[in-house]
């Protein structure tokens, strides 16, 4: 299962404050391709986590939700 999720740390520029910020993004593997999780309410438009562990937890939750939807 470790090959099915990961967390990526990215740095962005906040154009309003002209400062950079870092966030962790969870990723899951679907059909052999790594995918970010969308979140229109975040400033990056991707799911954001404050740390690596939280990003892993978000990815695992997403995998479980997708698997549950596919088997129902």
C-alpha atoms as a PDB file:
ATOM      1  CA  UNK A   1       0.000   0.000   0.000  1.00  0.00           C
ATOM      2  CA  UNK A   2       2.946   2.358   0.511  1.00  0.00           C
ATOM      3  CA  UNK A   3       3.256   2.646  -3.251  1.00  0.00           C
ATOM      4  CA  UNK A   4      -0.280   4.020  -3.519  1.00  0.00           C
ATOM      5  CA  UNK A   5       0.105   7.291  -1.626  1.00  0.00           C
ATOM      6  CA  UNK A   6       2.712   9.925  -0.866  1.00  0.00           C
ATOM      7  CA  UNK A   7       3.113  13.500   0.319  1.00  0.00           C
ATOM      8  CA  UNK A   8       4.840  16.273  -1.588  1.00  0.00           C
ATOM      9  CA  UNK A   9       6.011  19.557  -0.074  1.00  0.00           C
ATOM     10  CA  UNK A  10       5.668  22.545  -2.413  1.00  0.00           C
ATOM     11  CA  UNK A  11       6.570  26.207  -2.065  1.00  0.00           C
ATOM     12  CA  UNK A  12       4.343  28.946  -3.492  1.00  0.00           C
ATOM     13  CA  UNK A  13       4.386  32.716  -3.768  1.00  0.00           C
ATOM     14  CA  UNK A  14       1.537  34.641  -2.162  1.00  0.00           C
ATOM     15  CA  UNK A  15       1.067  37.435  -4.683  1.00  0.00           C
ATOM     16  CA  UNK A  16      -0.738  39.694  -2.224  1.00  0.00           C
ATOM     17  CA  UNK A  17       1.914  39.632   0.513  1.00  0.00           C
ATOM     18  CA  UNK A  18       4.876  38.897  -1.799  1.00  0.00           C
ATOM     19  CA  UNK A  19       5.987  36.146   0.581  1.00  0.00           C
ATOM     20  CA  UNK A  20       6.481  32.452   0.008  1.00  0.00           C
ATOM     21  CA  UNK A  21       4.666  29.707   1.862  1.00  0.00           C
ATOM     22  CA  UNK A  22       5.066  25.932   2.012  1.00  0.00           C
ATOM     23  CA  UNK A  23       2.355  23.308   2.193  1.00  0.00           C
ATOM     24  CA  UNK A  24       2.196  19.544   1.942  1.00  0.00           C
ATOM     25  CA  UNK A  25      -0.008  17.980  -0.722  1.00  0.00           C
ATOM     26  CA  UNK A  26      -1.284  14.402  -0.529  1.00  0.00           C
ATOM     27  CA  UNK A  27      -1.035  12.331  -3.704  1.00  0.00           C
ATOM     28  CA  UNK A  28      -2.569   8.998  -4.617  1.00  0.00           C
ATOM     29  CA  UNK A  29      -1.796   6.593  -7.427  1.00  0.00           C
ATOM     30  CA  UNK A  30      -4.680   5.809  -9.761  1.00  0.00           C
ATOM     31  CA  UNK A  31      -4.155   3.545 -12.770  1.00  0.00           C
ATOM     32  CA  UNK A  32      -0.377   3.866 -12.378  1.00  0.00           C
ATOM     33  CA  UNK A  33      -0.381   7.715 -12.354  1.00  0.00           C
ATOM     34  CA  UNK A  34       0.201  10.040  -9.410  1.00  0.00           C
ATOM     35  CA  UNK A  35      -2.692  12.427  -8.793  1.00  0.00           C
ATOM     36  CA  UNK A  36      -3.112  15.444  -6.546  1.00  0.00           C
ATOM     37  CA  UNK A  37      -6.412  15.849  -4.702  1.00  0.00           C
ATOM     38  CA  UNK A  38      -8.452  18.867  -5.790  1.00  0.00           C
ATOM     39  CA  UNK A  39      -9.796  21.411  -3.295  1.00  0.00           C
ATOM     40  CA  UNK A  40     -11.373  24.556  -4.736  1.00  0.00           C
ATOM     41  CA  UNK A  41     -11.523  26.188  -1.298  1.00  0.00           C
ATOM     42  CA  UNK A  42      -7.736  26.225  -0.751  1.00  0.00           C
ATOM     43  CA  UNK A  43      -5.388  28.906  -2.032  1.00  0.00           C
ATOM     44  CA  UNK A  44      -3.507  26.405  -4.224  1.00  0.00           C
ATOM     45  CA  UNK A  45      -6.699  24.666  -5.449  1.00  0.00           C
ATOM     46  CA  UNK A  46      -5.209  21.387  -4.131  1.00  0.00           C
ATOM     47  CA  UNK A  47      -5.677  19.645  -0.797  1.00  0.00           C
ATOM     48  CA  UNK A  48      -3.233  21.204   1.649  1.00  0.00           C
ATOM     49  CA  UNK A  49      -1.794  19.800   4.850  1.00  0.00           C
ATOM     50  CA  UNK A  50       0.367  21.535   7.444  1.00  0.00           C
ATOM     51  CA  UNK A  51       2.730  18.565   7.745  1.00  0.00           C
ATOM     52  CA  UNK A  52       3.758  15.319   6.084  1.00  0.00           C
ATOM     53  CA  UNK A  53       1.855  13.022   8.452  1.00  0.00           C
ATOM     54  CA  UNK A  54      -1.417  14.871   7.892  1.00  0.00           C
ATOM     55  CA  UNK A  55      -0.871  14.716   4.131  1.00  0.00           C
ATOM     56  CA  UNK A  56      -0.366  10.936   4.365  1.00  0.00           C
ATOM     57  CA  UNK A  57      -3.563  10.607   6.405  1.00  0.00           C
ATOM     58  CA  UNK A  58      -5.497  12.644   3.821  1.00  0.00           C
ATOM     59  CA  UNK A  59      -4.178  10.445   1.013  1.00  0.00           C
ATOM     60  CA  UNK A  60      -5.074   7.224   2.825  1.00  0.00           C
ATOM     61  CA  UNK A  61      -8.576   8.543   3.512  1.00  0.00           C
ATOM     62  CA  UNK A  62      -8.989   9.434  -0.180  1.00  0.00           C
ATOM     63  CA  UNK A  63      -7.841   5.967  -1.303  1.00  0.00           C
ATOM     64  CA  UNK A  64     -10.261   4.283   1.085  1.00  0.00           C
ATOM     65  CA  UNK A  65     -13.141   6.497  -0.062  1.00  0.00           C
ATOM     66  CA  UNK A  66     -12.427   5.769  -3.735  1.00  0.00           C
ATOM     67  CA  UNK A  67     -12.155   2.022  -3.097  1.00  0.00           C
ATOM     68  CA  UNK A  68     -15.413   2.042  -1.138  1.00  0.00           C
ATOM     69  CA  UNK A  69     -17.197   3.899  -3.966  1.00  0.00           C
ATOM     70  CA  UNK A  70     -15.869   1.423  -6.542  1.00  0.00           C
ATOM     71  CA  UNK A  71     -16.988  -1.648  -4.606  1.00  0.00           C
ATOM     72  CA  UNK A  72     -20.501  -0.501  -3.731  1.00  0.00           C
END
